[in-house]
Amino acid sequence: MEDCLMLMRAKRKEIDIGKLTERFNETASYDISEDRVRKNLEHFKKLMDKGKLTP
C-alpha cells in the first residue's frame, strides 16, 4: 500500500482516479476473490480521503 501512496504523491496530477478505478475493477473481475481484491481499492481511496497523500 505504501508504494501506491508514494506513487500517488509523486504523480497525483497525472493520475485520473476514475480511470484507475475502472481499470482496477476490470482487473479484479478476473480474480477468484474479486470482492476481496476490490476492498483493497476501497481501503486505498479511504487513505486518500484521509489526507494520507500529503508529502
N, C-alpha and C. Protein backbone atom coordinates (compact mmCIF):
# COMPACT_ATOMS: atom_id res chain seq x y z
N MET A 1 0.82 -1.18 0.00
CA MET A 1 0.00 0.00 0.00
C MET A 1 0.87 1.26 0.00
N GLU A 2 1.99 1.21 0.73
CA GLU A 2 2.87 2.38 0.80
C GLU A 2 3.40 2.75 -0.58
N ASP A 3 3.70 1.76 -1.41
CA ASP A 3 4.18 2.04 -2.76
C ASP A 3 3.13 2.82 -3.56
N CYS A 4 1.88 2.41 -3.42
CA CYS A 4 0.79 3.09 -4.13
C CYS A 4 0.64 4.53 -3.65
N LEU A 5 0.73 4.72 -2.36
CA LEU A 5 0.62 6.07 -1.81
C LEU A 5 1.77 6.95 -2.27
N MET A 6 2.97 6.38 -2.32
CA MET A 6 4.13 7.15 -2.78
C MET A 6 3.96 7.55 -4.25
N LEU A 7 3.47 6.63 -5.06
CA LEU A 7 3.24 6.93 -6.47
C LEU A 7 2.19 8.03 -6.63
N MET A 8 1.12 7.95 -5.86
CA MET A 8 0.09 8.98 -5.94
C MET A 8 0.61 10.34 -5.48
N ARG A 9 1.47 10.35 -4.47
CA ARG A 9 2.06 11.62 -4.03
C ARG A 9 2.86 12.25 -5.15
N ALA A 10 3.62 11.43 -5.84
CA ALA A 10 4.51 11.93 -6.89
C ALA A 10 3.78 12.30 -8.18
N LYS A 11 2.73 11.57 -8.51
CA LYS A 11 2.07 11.74 -9.82
C LYS A 11 0.59 12.05 -9.73
N ARG A 12 0.14 12.57 -8.62
CA ARG A 12 -1.30 12.77 -8.39
C ARG A 12 -2.00 13.54 -9.51
N LYS A 13 -1.35 14.58 -10.01
CA LYS A 13 -1.99 15.40 -11.06
C LYS A 13 -2.10 14.65 -12.38
N GLU A 14 -1.26 13.64 -12.57
CA GLU A 14 -1.25 12.90 -13.83
C GLU A 14 -2.15 11.67 -13.80
N ILE A 15 -2.61 11.26 -12.63
CA ILE A 15 -3.41 10.04 -12.50
C ILE A 15 -4.89 10.38 -12.40
N ASP A 16 -5.66 9.82 -13.30
CA ASP A 16 -7.11 10.00 -13.31
C ASP A 16 -7.70 8.90 -12.43
N ILE A 17 -8.19 9.27 -11.25
CA ILE A 17 -8.68 8.28 -10.29
C ILE A 17 -9.89 7.52 -10.84
N GLY A 18 -10.68 8.16 -11.68
CA GLY A 18 -11.82 7.48 -12.31
C GLY A 18 -11.36 6.36 -13.22
N LYS A 19 -10.36 6.65 -14.05
CA LYS A 19 -9.83 5.63 -14.94
C LYS A 19 -9.12 4.54 -14.15
N LEU A 20 -8.41 4.93 -13.10
CA LEU A 20 -7.74 3.95 -12.25
C LEU A 20 -8.76 3.00 -11.63
N THR A 21 -9.84 3.54 -11.13
CA THR A 21 -10.89 2.73 -10.52
C THR A 21 -11.50 1.78 -11.55
N GLU A 22 -11.79 2.30 -12.72
CA GLU A 22 -12.39 1.49 -13.78
C GLU A 22 -11.46 0.33 -14.15
N ARG A 23 -10.20 0.64 -14.35
CA ARG A 23 -9.23 -0.39 -14.74
C ARG A 23 -9.02 -1.41 -13.61
N PHE A 24 -8.96 -0.92 -12.38
CA PHE A 24 -8.78 -1.80 -11.23
C PHE A 24 -9.95 -2.78 -11.13
N ASN A 25 -11.16 -2.26 -11.27
CA ASN A 25 -12.35 -3.11 -11.18
C ASN A 25 -12.39 -4.13 -12.31
N GLU A 26 -11.96 -3.72 -13.49
CA GLU A 26 -11.91 -4.65 -14.62
C GLU A 26 -10.91 -5.77 -14.32
N THR A 27 -9.76 -5.41 -13.82
CA THR A 27 -8.74 -6.40 -13.49
C THR A 27 -9.21 -7.31 -12.36
N ALA A 28 -9.85 -6.74 -11.35
CA ALA A 28 -10.34 -7.52 -10.22
C ALA A 28 -11.38 -8.55 -10.66
N SER A 29 -12.11 -8.24 -11.71
CA SER A 29 -13.15 -9.16 -12.16
C SER A 29 -12.57 -10.49 -12.64
N TYR A 30 -11.29 -10.53 -12.94
CA TYR A 30 -10.65 -11.77 -13.38
C TYR A 30 -10.13 -12.60 -12.21
N ASP A 31 -10.16 -12.05 -11.02
CA ASP A 31 -9.64 -12.74 -9.84
C ASP A 31 -10.73 -13.60 -9.20
N ILE A 32 -10.34 -14.71 -8.65
CA ILE A 32 -11.28 -15.61 -7.99
C ILE A 32 -11.94 -14.92 -6.80
N SER A 33 -11.16 -14.14 -6.07
CA SER A 33 -11.68 -13.44 -4.89
C SER A 33 -11.91 -11.96 -5.22
N GLU A 34 -12.72 -11.71 -6.22
CA GLU A 34 -12.98 -10.37 -6.73
C GLU A 34 -13.37 -9.38 -5.64
N ASP A 35 -14.28 -9.76 -4.76
CA ASP A 35 -14.73 -8.85 -3.71
C ASP A 35 -13.59 -8.48 -2.77
N ARG A 36 -12.76 -9.45 -2.45
CA ARG A 36 -11.62 -9.18 -1.55
C ARG A 36 -10.62 -8.23 -2.20
N VAL A 37 -10.38 -8.41 -3.49
CA VAL A 37 -9.46 -7.55 -4.21
C VAL A 37 -10.00 -6.12 -4.28
N ARG A 38 -11.29 -5.99 -4.51
CA ARG A 38 -11.89 -4.65 -4.59
C ARG A 38 -11.82 -3.89 -3.27
N LYS A 39 -11.79 -4.62 -2.16
CA LYS A 39 -11.66 -3.97 -0.86
C LYS A 39 -10.33 -3.24 -0.74
N ASN A 40 -9.31 -3.73 -1.44
CA ASN A 40 -8.02 -3.05 -1.43
C ASN A 40 -8.13 -1.65 -2.01
N LEU A 41 -8.87 -1.52 -3.10
CA LEU A 41 -9.06 -0.21 -3.71
C LEU A 41 -9.85 0.71 -2.79
N GLU A 42 -10.87 0.17 -2.16
CA GLU A 42 -11.67 0.98 -1.24
C GLU A 42 -10.80 1.47 -0.07
N HIS A 43 -9.94 0.61 0.43
CA HIS A 43 -9.03 1.00 1.52
C HIS A 43 -8.10 2.11 1.04
N PHE A 44 -7.57 1.98 -0.16
CA PHE A 44 -6.69 2.98 -0.75
C PHE A 44 -7.40 4.32 -0.89
N LYS A 45 -8.64 4.29 -1.37
CA LYS A 45 -9.41 5.53 -1.53
C LYS A 45 -9.67 6.19 -0.17
N LYS A 46 -9.91 5.38 0.87
CA LYS A 46 -10.11 5.94 2.21
C LYS A 46 -8.84 6.63 2.70
N LEU A 47 -7.70 6.02 2.43
CA LEU A 47 -6.44 6.65 2.83
C LEU A 47 -6.25 7.97 2.07
N MET A 48 -6.63 8.01 0.80
CA MET A 48 -6.54 9.25 0.03
C MET A 48 -7.45 10.30 0.63
N ASP A 49 -8.67 9.91 0.99
CA ASP A 49 -9.64 10.85 1.55
C ASP A 49 -9.19 11.39 2.92
N LYS A 50 -8.45 10.58 3.66
CA LYS A 50 -7.98 11.00 4.98
C LYS A 50 -6.74 11.87 4.90
N GLY A 51 -6.30 12.16 3.69
CA GLY A 51 -5.16 13.05 3.52
C GLY A 51 -3.82 12.38 3.68
N LYS A 52 -3.77 11.08 3.52
CA LYS A 52 -2.51 10.35 3.65
C LYS A 52 -1.57 10.60 2.48
N LEU A 53 -2.01 11.38 1.51
CA LEU A 53 -1.18 11.63 0.33
C LEU A 53 -0.38 12.90 0.42
N THR A 54 -0.49 13.61 1.49
CA THR A 54 0.27 14.84 1.60
C THR A 54 1.72 14.50 1.86
N PRO A 55 2.65 15.20 1.19
CA PRO A 55 4.07 14.88 1.34
C PRO A 55 4.59 15.16 2.74
